[in-house]
N, C-alpha and C. Protein backbone atom coordinates (compact mmCIF):
# COMPACT_ATOMS: atom_id res chain seq x y z
N MET A 1 0.81 -1.22 0.00
CA MET A 1 0.00 0.00 0.00
C MET A 1 0.85 1.28 0.00
N PRO A 2 1.95 1.36 0.80
CA PRO A 2 2.77 2.57 0.75
C PRO A 2 3.33 2.86 -0.64
N ASN A 3 3.71 1.82 -1.38
CA ASN A 3 4.23 2.01 -2.73
C ASN A 3 3.14 2.57 -3.65
N GLN A 4 1.92 2.04 -3.51
CA GLN A 4 0.81 2.54 -4.33
C GLN A 4 0.51 3.99 -3.97
N THR A 5 0.59 4.32 -2.69
CA THR A 5 0.36 5.71 -2.26
C THR A 5 1.41 6.63 -2.87
N HIS A 6 2.67 6.20 -2.86
CA HIS A 6 3.74 7.01 -3.45
C HIS A 6 3.50 7.21 -4.95
N GLU A 7 3.08 6.16 -5.64
CA GLU A 7 2.82 6.27 -7.08
C GLU A 7 1.66 7.22 -7.35
N LEU A 8 0.60 7.14 -6.55
CA LEU A 8 -0.54 8.05 -6.72
C LEU A 8 -0.12 9.49 -6.46
N GLU A 9 0.71 9.70 -5.46
CA GLU A 9 1.19 11.06 -5.17
C GLU A 9 1.97 11.61 -6.36
N ARG A 10 2.83 10.79 -6.94
CA ARG A 10 3.60 11.23 -8.11
C ARG A 10 2.67 11.51 -9.29
N THR A 11 1.66 10.65 -9.46
CA THR A 11 0.71 10.84 -10.56
C THR A 11 -0.04 12.16 -10.42
N PHE A 12 -0.63 12.38 -9.25
CA PHE A 12 -1.42 13.60 -9.06
C PHE A 12 -0.55 14.84 -9.04
N SER A 13 0.66 14.72 -8.53
CA SER A 13 1.58 15.85 -8.58
C SER A 13 1.92 16.20 -10.02
N ALA A 14 2.18 15.18 -10.83
CA ALA A 14 2.49 15.42 -12.25
C ALA A 14 1.29 16.05 -12.96
N LEU A 15 0.10 15.63 -12.61
CA LEU A 15 -1.10 16.15 -13.27
C LEU A 15 -1.57 17.49 -12.70
N SER A 16 -0.88 17.99 -11.69
CA SER A 16 -1.31 19.25 -11.09
C SER A 16 -0.98 20.46 -11.96
N ASP A 17 -0.13 20.26 -12.94
CA ASP A 17 0.28 21.36 -13.82
C ASP A 17 -0.56 21.36 -15.10
N PRO A 18 -1.09 22.53 -15.50
CA PRO A 18 -1.94 22.58 -16.70
C PRO A 18 -1.21 22.19 -17.99
N THR A 19 0.07 22.50 -18.10
CA THR A 19 0.82 22.10 -19.30
C THR A 19 0.90 20.59 -19.39
N ARG A 20 1.18 19.94 -18.27
CA ARG A 20 1.29 18.47 -18.28
C ARG A 20 -0.06 17.82 -18.53
N ARG A 21 -1.13 18.41 -17.99
CA ARG A 21 -2.46 17.86 -18.28
C ARG A 21 -2.78 18.00 -19.76
N ALA A 22 -2.38 19.11 -20.36
CA ALA A 22 -2.61 19.30 -21.80
C ALA A 22 -1.82 18.28 -22.62
N VAL A 23 -0.62 17.95 -22.18
CA VAL A 23 0.18 16.93 -22.88
C VAL A 23 -0.53 15.58 -22.80
N VAL A 24 -1.00 15.23 -21.61
CA VAL A 24 -1.72 13.96 -21.45
C VAL A 24 -2.95 13.95 -22.36
N GLN A 25 -3.67 15.06 -22.39
CA GLN A 25 -4.86 15.16 -23.26
C GLN A 25 -4.48 14.97 -24.72
N ALA A 26 -3.40 15.60 -25.14
CA ALA A 26 -2.96 15.47 -26.53
C ALA A 26 -2.58 14.03 -26.84
N LEU A 27 -1.95 13.36 -25.89
CA LEU A 27 -1.53 11.98 -26.13
C LEU A 27 -2.69 10.99 -26.10
N CYS A 28 -3.85 11.45 -25.64
CA CYS A 28 -5.05 10.60 -25.72
C CYS A 28 -5.41 10.33 -27.18
N GLU A 29 -4.98 11.23 -28.07
CA GLU A 29 -5.23 11.06 -29.50
C GLU A 29 -4.27 10.05 -30.13
N GLY A 30 -3.19 9.74 -29.41
CA GLY A 30 -2.20 8.81 -29.92
C GLY A 30 -0.80 9.33 -29.70
N PRO A 31 0.20 8.51 -29.96
CA PRO A 31 1.59 8.93 -29.76
C PRO A 31 1.93 10.16 -30.61
N ALA A 32 2.88 10.95 -30.10
CA ALA A 32 3.29 12.17 -30.81
C ALA A 32 4.75 12.45 -30.49
N THR A 33 5.39 13.17 -31.39
CA THR A 33 6.79 13.55 -31.15
C THR A 33 6.83 14.72 -30.17
N VAL A 34 7.99 14.93 -29.59
CA VAL A 34 8.17 16.04 -28.66
C VAL A 34 7.86 17.35 -29.35
N SER A 35 8.32 17.54 -30.60
CA SER A 35 8.03 18.81 -31.28
C SER A 35 6.55 18.99 -31.55
N GLN A 36 5.84 17.92 -31.86
CA GLN A 36 4.39 18.03 -32.06
C GLN A 36 3.70 18.43 -30.76
N LEU A 37 4.14 17.83 -29.66
CA LEU A 37 3.54 18.15 -28.37
C LEU A 37 3.87 19.57 -27.91
N ALA A 38 5.08 20.03 -28.23
CA ALA A 38 5.53 21.35 -27.78
C ALA A 38 4.93 22.49 -28.60
N ALA A 39 4.51 22.21 -29.82
CA ALA A 39 4.06 23.26 -30.74
C ALA A 39 3.03 24.23 -30.15
N PRO A 40 2.01 23.77 -29.43
CA PRO A 40 0.99 24.72 -28.95
C PRO A 40 1.44 25.60 -27.78
N PHE A 41 2.62 25.35 -27.22
CA PHE A 41 3.04 26.06 -26.02
C PHE A 41 4.09 27.12 -26.32
N ALA A 42 3.92 28.27 -25.70
CA ALA A 42 4.87 29.37 -25.87
C ALA A 42 5.94 29.26 -24.78
N MET A 43 6.79 28.25 -24.92
CA MET A 43 7.89 28.10 -23.97
C MET A 43 9.08 27.47 -24.68
N ALA A 44 10.23 27.67 -24.10
CA ALA A 44 11.45 27.11 -24.68
C ALA A 44 11.39 25.59 -24.60
N LEU A 45 11.97 24.94 -25.59
CA LEU A 45 11.95 23.48 -25.64
C LEU A 45 12.54 22.83 -24.38
N PRO A 46 13.64 23.34 -23.83
CA PRO A 46 14.15 22.73 -22.59
C PRO A 46 13.14 22.77 -21.44
N SER A 47 12.40 23.87 -21.33
CA SER A 47 11.37 23.95 -20.29
C SER A 47 10.27 22.94 -20.55
N PHE A 48 9.88 22.82 -21.80
CA PHE A 48 8.83 21.87 -22.15
C PHE A 48 9.28 20.44 -21.87
N THR A 49 10.51 20.12 -22.23
CA THR A 49 10.99 18.75 -22.02
C THR A 49 11.09 18.42 -20.53
N GLN A 50 11.23 19.44 -19.67
CA GLN A 50 11.18 19.18 -18.23
C GLN A 50 9.80 18.67 -17.83
N HIS A 51 8.76 19.24 -18.44
CA HIS A 51 7.40 18.76 -18.18
C HIS A 51 7.26 17.30 -18.61
N LEU A 52 7.81 16.98 -19.76
CA LEU A 52 7.76 15.59 -20.23
C LEU A 52 8.50 14.67 -19.27
N GLY A 53 9.62 15.16 -18.74
CA GLY A 53 10.39 14.38 -17.78
C GLY A 53 9.60 14.07 -16.52
N VAL A 54 8.83 15.04 -16.04
CA VAL A 54 8.00 14.83 -14.86
C VAL A 54 6.94 13.77 -15.16
N LEU A 55 6.30 13.87 -16.32
CA LEU A 55 5.28 12.89 -16.71
C LEU A 55 5.88 11.49 -16.85
N GLU A 56 7.08 11.43 -17.42
CA GLU A 56 7.72 10.13 -17.61
C GLU A 56 8.18 9.55 -16.27
N GLU A 57 8.71 10.39 -15.42
CA GLU A 57 9.15 9.93 -14.09
C GLU A 57 7.96 9.42 -13.27
N ALA A 58 6.81 10.03 -13.45
CA ALA A 58 5.60 9.58 -12.75
C ALA A 58 5.02 8.32 -13.40
N GLY A 59 5.56 7.92 -14.52
CA GLY A 59 5.09 6.72 -15.19
C GLY A 59 3.87 6.93 -16.06
N LEU A 60 3.49 8.19 -16.29
CA LEU A 60 2.28 8.48 -17.06
C LEU A 60 2.51 8.39 -18.56
N ILE A 61 3.74 8.65 -18.99
CA ILE A 61 4.06 8.55 -20.41
C ILE A 61 5.36 7.76 -20.57
N THR A 62 5.53 7.26 -21.77
CA THR A 62 6.79 6.62 -22.15
C THR A 62 7.32 7.37 -23.36
N SER A 63 8.63 7.27 -23.57
CA SER A 63 9.19 7.88 -24.77
C SER A 63 10.29 6.97 -25.30
N ARG A 64 10.48 7.08 -26.60
CA ARG A 64 11.53 6.29 -27.25
C ARG A 64 12.01 7.05 -28.46
N ARG A 65 13.23 6.78 -28.82
CA ARG A 65 13.80 7.39 -30.03
C ARG A 65 13.17 6.76 -31.26
N GLN A 66 12.83 7.62 -32.21
CA GLN A 66 12.35 7.16 -33.52
C GLN A 66 13.07 8.03 -34.55
N GLY A 67 14.12 7.49 -35.09
CA GLY A 67 14.95 8.28 -36.00
C GLY A 67 15.60 9.41 -35.23
N ARG A 68 15.40 10.64 -35.71
CA ARG A 68 15.98 11.81 -35.04
C ARG A 68 15.01 12.44 -34.05
N SER A 69 13.83 11.86 -33.90
CA SER A 69 12.82 12.41 -33.00
C SER A 69 12.64 11.51 -31.78
N ARG A 70 11.95 12.05 -30.79
CA ARG A 70 11.57 11.27 -29.62
C ARG A 70 10.04 11.17 -29.65
N LEU A 71 9.53 9.95 -29.64
CA LEU A 71 8.10 9.68 -29.70
C LEU A 71 7.57 9.41 -28.31
N CYS A 72 6.52 10.11 -27.92
CA CYS A 72 5.91 9.94 -26.60
C CYS A 72 4.56 9.26 -26.74
N ALA A 73 4.20 8.48 -25.72
CA ALA A 73 2.90 7.79 -25.70
C ALA A 73 2.42 7.70 -24.26
N LEU A 74 1.12 7.58 -24.09
CA LEU A 74 0.54 7.41 -22.75
C LEU A 74 0.85 6.02 -22.22
N ASN A 75 0.95 5.93 -20.91
CA ASN A 75 1.06 4.65 -20.22
C ASN A 75 -0.29 4.42 -19.54
N GLY A 76 -1.18 3.71 -20.23
CA GLY A 76 -2.55 3.50 -19.77
C GLY A 76 -2.67 2.94 -18.37
N PRO A 77 -1.92 1.90 -18.00
CA PRO A 77 -2.08 1.34 -16.66
C PRO A 77 -1.86 2.35 -15.53
N ALA A 78 -0.91 3.25 -15.69
CA ALA A 78 -0.67 4.27 -14.65
C ALA A 78 -1.88 5.19 -14.51
N LEU A 79 -2.48 5.56 -15.63
CA LEU A 79 -3.68 6.40 -15.57
C LEU A 79 -4.86 5.65 -14.97
N ARG A 80 -4.95 4.35 -15.26
CA ARG A 80 -6.04 3.55 -14.70
C ARG A 80 -5.97 3.46 -13.19
N GLU A 81 -4.75 3.39 -12.63
CA GLU A 81 -4.62 3.36 -11.17
C GLU A 81 -5.20 4.63 -10.55
N ALA A 82 -4.90 5.77 -11.15
CA ALA A 82 -5.44 7.04 -10.64
C ALA A 82 -6.95 7.08 -10.82
N GLU A 83 -7.42 6.61 -11.96
CA GLU A 83 -8.87 6.57 -12.21
C GLU A 83 -9.58 5.66 -11.21
N ASP A 84 -8.99 4.51 -10.92
CA ASP A 84 -9.58 3.59 -9.95
C ASP A 84 -9.66 4.22 -8.56
N TRP A 85 -8.60 4.93 -8.18
CA TRP A 85 -8.58 5.60 -6.89
C TRP A 85 -9.69 6.66 -6.81
N LEU A 86 -9.80 7.45 -7.87
CA LEU A 86 -10.84 8.49 -7.91
C LEU A 86 -12.23 7.87 -7.88
N ALA A 87 -12.43 6.78 -8.63
CA ALA A 87 -13.75 6.13 -8.68
C ALA A 87 -14.15 5.60 -7.30
N ALA A 88 -13.21 5.01 -6.59
CA ALA A 88 -13.52 4.47 -5.26
C ALA A 88 -13.93 5.61 -4.32
N HIS A 89 -13.22 6.71 -4.37
CA HIS A 89 -13.56 7.84 -3.51
C HIS A 89 -14.85 8.51 -3.95
N ARG A 90 -15.11 8.55 -5.24
CA ARG A 90 -16.37 9.11 -5.73
C ARG A 90 -17.55 8.28 -5.21
N ARG A 91 -17.43 6.95 -5.28
CA ARG A 91 -18.51 6.09 -4.78
C ARG A 91 -18.75 6.33 -3.29
N GLN A 92 -17.66 6.48 -2.55
CA GLN A 92 -17.77 6.72 -1.11
C GLN A 92 -18.52 8.03 -0.84
N TRP A 93 -18.15 9.08 -1.55
CA TRP A 93 -18.81 10.37 -1.33
C TRP A 93 -20.25 10.37 -1.83
N GLU A 94 -20.51 9.68 -2.93
CA GLU A 94 -21.89 9.59 -3.41
C GLU A 94 -22.77 8.87 -2.39
N ALA A 95 -22.26 7.82 -1.78
CA ALA A 95 -23.02 7.10 -0.76
C ALA A 95 -23.30 8.01 0.44
N ARG A 96 -22.30 8.78 0.85
CA ARG A 96 -22.49 9.71 1.97
C ARG A 96 -23.52 10.78 1.63
N LEU A 97 -23.44 11.30 0.42
CA LEU A 97 -24.41 12.33 0.02
C LEU A 97 -25.82 11.75 -0.10
N ASP A 98 -25.93 10.51 -0.56
CA ASP A 98 -27.24 9.85 -0.62
C ASP A 98 -27.83 9.70 0.78
N ARG A 99 -26.99 9.32 1.75
CA ARG A 99 -27.47 9.18 3.14
C ARG A 99 -27.88 10.54 3.70
N LEU A 100 -27.10 11.58 3.39
CA LEU A 100 -27.44 12.93 3.85
C LEU A 100 -28.78 13.37 3.25
N GLU A 101 -28.95 13.12 1.96
CA GLU A 101 -30.21 13.49 1.30
C GLU A 101 -31.40 12.76 1.93
N ALA A 102 -31.23 11.48 2.21
CA ALA A 102 -32.32 10.71 2.85
C ALA A 102 -32.62 11.26 4.24
N HIS A 103 -31.57 11.61 4.98
CA HIS A 103 -31.76 12.18 6.31
C HIS A 103 -32.50 13.52 6.23
N LEU A 104 -32.12 14.37 5.30
CA LEU A 104 -32.78 15.67 5.15
C LEU A 104 -34.24 15.51 4.75
N GLU A 105 -34.51 14.54 3.89
CA GLU A 105 -35.90 14.27 3.50
C GLU A 105 -36.72 13.81 4.70
N THR A 106 -36.13 12.97 5.54
CA THR A 106 -36.82 12.50 6.75
C THR A 106 -37.10 13.67 7.68
N MET A 107 -36.11 14.53 7.87
CA MET A 107 -36.30 15.71 8.73
C MET A 107 -37.39 16.63 8.16
N LYS A 108 -37.39 16.80 6.86
CA LYS A 108 -38.39 17.65 6.20
C LYS A 108 -39.78 17.08 6.40
N LYS A 109 -39.90 15.78 6.25
CA LYS A 109 -41.20 15.11 6.42
C LYS A 109 -41.67 15.22 7.87
N GLU A 110 -40.76 15.04 8.82
CA GLU A 110 -41.12 15.16 10.23
C GLU A 110 -41.56 16.56 10.57
N GLN A 111 -40.92 17.58 9.99
CA GLN A 111 -41.31 18.97 10.23
C GLN A 111 -42.69 19.24 9.68
N SER A 112 -42.97 18.72 8.50
CA SER A 112 -44.29 18.97 7.90
C SER A 112 -45.38 18.21 8.67
N ASP A 113 -45.06 17.05 9.26
CA ASP A 113 -46.02 16.29 10.05
C ASP A 113 -46.31 16.99 11.38
N ASP A 114 -45.31 17.72 11.91
CA ASP A 114 -45.48 18.44 13.19
C ASP A 114 -46.35 19.69 13.03
N GLN A 115 -46.44 20.19 11.82
CA GLN A 115 -47.18 21.46 11.63
C GLN A 115 -48.60 21.22 11.35
């Protein structure tokens, strides 16, 4: 469990930056070269490649040399772990909100019965 917690922390930390989230979104369309990914951003290539490094270190993307370019792709299993964690917590909160709603309805009904 501690290892999974560390991986989730790295995942969410990597996704906390809007540039890195945009890269992940772009890679949802399929693998892309570093220059293709960097094109929409007004930043120097070294700064952009630091963002890619954070994503790769977190295990969210992979990269490999393809000729003179570097090709990046999503690492689906790493994203699924984060999605599973979010889904479990969403279910927990939905259940709590459902219980709160039922309690409020009961209180409302009791108030109307008292009047």
